Amino acid sequence: MCRDISDFKKGYQPGTYTVKDEKGDLVAGCHSNLARWKNHFSQLLNVHGVNDVRQTEIHTTEPLAPETSAFEVEMAIEKLKSHKSPGIDQIPAELIKAGGKTICSEIHKLIISIWNKEELPEEWKELITVPIYKIGYKTDCSNYWGIPFLPTTYKILSNNLFSRLTICRRNYWGSSMCISTQQVNY
């Protein structure tokens, strides 16, 4: 009964299936809403106006960093959090953890291949972003957090790279924090 009165006092609250476009007009329809969310998160998360980014090739006689070891992959798999939603690959962390040495070996081969090619697979460049309401008008896209669901195998590579960066940070800067553990949320 109390909840009904509280809801009545708040007045009509439109569902999240309607959102406003950039002009403030309500957008209706599934495809229009998806396009609006895609546009919103694209503008929010992507860098715009940076045209002068140059990639410099470095020629050395030896690789800049050694390939990932099987042990590093094993440690990265152990760091995966359980009971989290998988990304576009639909592989839960629990499945990879339960796979033992066989799955660890296959993921190690995959990461070595990526390391040598120096390019991520196209599937890893896609993610599922789920809008989570914060506060304010529910029709305003800026009142939502975008929670990305990353592919689980991508998280393993990310955990591996983060571990290496942490070691580099300790070697070069001592205990001062340049990369905090709060900056990595999986």
Protein backbone atom coordinates (compact mmCIF):
# COMPACT_ATOMS: atom_id res chain seq x y z
CA MET A 1 0.00 0.00 0.00
CA CYS A 2 2.80 2.45 0.89
CA ARG A 3 4.57 1.77 -2.38
CA ASP A 4 1.39 2.46 -4.35
CA ILE A 5 0.98 5.83 -2.63
CA SER A 6 4.63 6.68 -3.19
CA ASP A 7 4.36 5.80 -6.89
CA PHE A 8 1.18 7.87 -7.15
CA LYS A 9 2.90 10.92 -5.60
CA LYS A 10 5.78 10.69 -8.09
CA GLY A 11 3.37 10.88 -10.99
CA TYR A 12 3.77 9.20 -14.33
CA GLN A 13 7.26 7.83 -14.90
CA PRO A 14 7.83 6.77 -18.52
CA GLY A 15 9.66 3.50 -19.09
CA THR A 16 13.18 3.33 -20.47
CA TYR A 17 11.82 2.25 -23.84
CA THR A 18 11.40 5.93 -24.75
CA VAL A 19 14.36 8.29 -24.77
CA LYS A 20 15.01 11.78 -26.03
CA ASP A 21 17.18 12.52 -29.04
CA GLU A 22 19.83 15.26 -29.15
CA LYS A 23 17.12 17.88 -29.79
CA GLY A 24 15.04 16.77 -26.80
CA ASP A 25 12.28 15.10 -28.81
CA LEU A 26 11.03 11.68 -27.68
CA VAL A 27 12.17 8.79 -29.85
CA ALA A 28 9.79 5.87 -30.28
CA GLY A 29 10.39 2.47 -31.77
CA CYS A 30 12.91 -0.23 -31.02
CA HIS A 31 15.32 0.55 -33.87
CA SER A 32 15.23 4.31 -33.23
CA ASN A 33 15.92 3.77 -29.52
CA LEU A 34 18.83 1.43 -30.22
CA ALA A 35 20.26 3.94 -32.69
CA ARG A 36 19.93 6.70 -30.09
CA TRP A 37 21.70 4.65 -27.41
CA LYS A 38 24.43 3.69 -29.87
CA ASN A 39 24.93 7.33 -30.84
CA HIS A 40 24.96 8.45 -27.19
CA PHE A 41 27.57 5.93 -26.04
CA SER A 42 29.62 6.43 -29.20
CA GLN A 43 29.85 10.16 -28.49
CA LEU A 44 30.55 9.52 -24.81
CA LEU A 45 33.22 6.85 -25.17
CA ASN A 46 35.00 7.63 -28.44
CA VAL A 47 37.55 10.36 -28.96
CA HIS A 48 36.37 12.94 -31.49
CA GLY A 49 38.42 15.57 -33.24
CA VAL A 50 41.77 13.81 -32.88
CA ASN A 51 43.09 13.67 -36.41
CA ASP A 52 46.80 14.05 -35.79
CA VAL A 53 47.49 10.72 -34.10
CA ARG A 54 50.57 9.12 -35.57
CA GLN A 55 51.83 5.62 -35.03
CA THR A 56 55.59 5.43 -34.94
CA GLU A 57 57.27 2.19 -35.92
CA ILE A 58 60.15 1.18 -33.71
CA HIS A 59 62.76 -1.09 -35.25
CA THR A 60 64.78 -3.11 -32.77
CA THR A 61 66.90 -6.22 -32.94
CA GLU A 62 64.78 -7.92 -30.30
CA PRO A 63 61.11 -7.79 -29.32
CA LEU A 64 60.07 -4.94 -27.02
CA ALA A 65 58.37 -7.36 -24.64
CA PRO A 66 58.57 -11.13 -24.48
CA GLU A 67 55.57 -13.25 -25.40
CA THR A 68 53.10 -14.15 -22.71
CA SER A 69 53.97 -17.32 -20.83
CA ALA A 70 51.50 -20.11 -20.09
CA PHE A 71 51.89 -19.29 -16.40
CA GLU A 72 50.88 -15.66 -17.00
CA VAL A 73 47.76 -16.81 -18.85
CA GLU A 74 46.97 -19.19 -15.99
CA MET A 75 47.28 -16.33 -13.48
CA ALA A 76 45.12 -14.06 -15.65
CA ILE A 77 42.44 -16.76 -15.80
CA GLU A 78 42.52 -17.08 -12.00
CA LYS A 79 41.94 -13.32 -11.71
CA LEU A 80 38.67 -13.52 -13.69
CA LYS A 81 35.72 -12.67 -11.49
CA SER A 82 33.02 -15.31 -11.28
CA HIS A 83 29.29 -14.69 -11.67
CA LYS A 84 29.74 -11.79 -14.11
CA SER A 85 27.90 -11.41 -17.38
CA PRO A 86 29.94 -12.54 -20.40
CA GLY A 87 30.43 -10.35 -23.41
CA ILE A 88 29.61 -10.99 -27.03
CA ASP A 89 31.50 -14.31 -26.91
CA GLN A 90 28.94 -15.65 -24.39
CA ILE A 91 31.69 -17.58 -22.55
CA PRO A 92 31.28 -17.35 -18.76
CA ALA A 93 34.46 -17.06 -16.67
CA GLU A 94 33.42 -20.15 -14.70
CA LEU A 95 33.58 -22.26 -17.88
CA ILE A 96 37.12 -21.11 -18.66
CA LYS A 97 38.23 -21.67 -15.06
CA ALA A 98 36.76 -25.19 -15.11
CA GLY A 99 38.50 -25.98 -18.41
CA GLY A 100 41.82 -26.70 -16.75
CA LYS A 101 45.12 -27.01 -18.60
CA THR A 102 43.47 -27.78 -21.95
CA ILE A 103 41.54 -24.51 -22.22
CA CYS A 104 44.48 -22.61 -20.70
CA SER A 105 46.77 -23.99 -23.41
CA GLU A 106 44.35 -23.02 -26.19
CA ILE A 107 43.88 -19.50 -24.83
CA HIS A 108 47.67 -19.20 -24.49
CA LYS A 109 48.03 -20.08 -28.20
CA LEU A 110 45.37 -17.49 -29.06
CA ILE A 111 47.10 -14.77 -27.05
CA ILE A 112 50.50 -15.61 -28.58
CA SER A 113 48.93 -15.31 -32.03
CA ILE A 114 47.41 -11.93 -31.15
CA TRP A 115 50.71 -10.81 -29.60
CA ASN A 116 52.69 -11.65 -32.74
CA LYS A 117 50.13 -10.12 -35.14
CA GLU A 118 49.78 -7.06 -32.88
CA GLU A 119 46.09 -6.84 -33.71
CA LEU A 120 42.96 -7.77 -31.78
CA PRO A 121 40.36 -10.05 -33.35
CA GLU A 122 37.35 -8.17 -34.73
CA GLU A 123 35.05 -9.96 -32.25
CA TRP A 124 37.03 -8.44 -29.35
CA LYS A 125 36.44 -4.95 -30.69
CA GLU A 126 32.68 -5.36 -30.21
CA LEU A 127 31.05 -5.07 -26.84
CA ILE A 128 27.62 -5.01 -25.36
CA THR A 129 26.84 -1.79 -23.48
CA VAL A 130 23.90 -1.88 -21.09
CA PRO A 131 22.47 1.44 -19.87
CA ILE A 132 21.94 1.50 -16.09
CA TYR A 133 19.77 4.30 -14.73
CA LYS A 134 21.46 6.72 -12.27
CA ILE A 135 19.23 9.65 -11.39
CA GLY A 136 17.14 12.31 -13.13
CA TYR A 137 14.77 11.99 -16.06
CA LYS A 138 14.66 8.44 -17.38
CA THR A 139 14.19 9.71 -20.93
CA ASP A 140 17.56 11.52 -20.88
CA CYS A 141 20.41 9.27 -22.02
CA SER A 142 22.96 11.25 -20.00
CA ASN A 143 21.27 10.00 -16.81
CA TYR A 144 22.52 6.45 -17.42
CA TRP A 145 25.80 4.65 -16.81
CA GLY A 146 27.00 2.57 -19.72
CA ILE A 147 28.14 -0.80 -18.39
CA PRO A 148 30.25 -2.66 -20.98
CA PHE A 149 30.16 -6.45 -21.18
CA LEU A 150 33.55 -7.39 -22.59
CA PRO A 151 34.43 -10.76 -24.14
CA THR A 152 35.85 -13.04 -21.44
CA THR A 153 38.88 -14.00 -23.51
CA TYR A 154 39.64 -10.29 -23.96
CA LYS A 155 39.57 -9.90 -20.17
CA ILE A 156 42.28 -12.57 -19.89
CA LEU A 157 44.59 -10.60 -22.20
CA SER A 158 43.71 -7.39 -20.32
CA ASN A 159 44.50 -9.01 -16.95
CA ASN A 160 47.82 -10.18 -18.36
CA LEU A 161 48.72 -6.71 -19.68
CA PHE A 162 47.64 -5.08 -16.43
CA SER A 163 49.89 -7.43 -14.44
CA ARG A 164 52.82 -6.56 -16.69
CA LEU A 165 52.15 -2.83 -16.41
CA THR A 166 51.95 -3.15 -12.63
CA ILE A 167 55.37 -4.81 -12.58
CA CYS A 168 56.79 -2.07 -14.85
CA ARG A 169 55.27 0.59 -12.62
CA ARG A 170 56.90 -0.92 -9.56
CA ASN A 171 60.27 -1.23 -11.33
CA TYR A 172 60.33 2.33 -12.64
CA TRP A 173 58.36 4.36 -10.12
CA GLY A 174 58.57 2.37 -6.93
CA SER A 175 55.44 2.24 -4.86
CA SER A 176 53.90 5.48 -6.20
CA MET A 177 50.65 4.75 -7.99
CA CYS A 178 50.57 5.55 -11.70
CA ILE A 179 47.96 2.93 -12.51
CA SER A 180 45.49 2.28 -9.75
CA THR A 181 43.59 -0.95 -9.33
CA GLN A 182 40.37 1.12 -9.28
CA GLN A 183 40.98 2.02 -12.94
CA VAL A 184 40.47 -1.61 -13.96
CA ASN A 185 36.94 -2.94 -13.38
CA TYR A 186 36.10 -6.37 -14.67
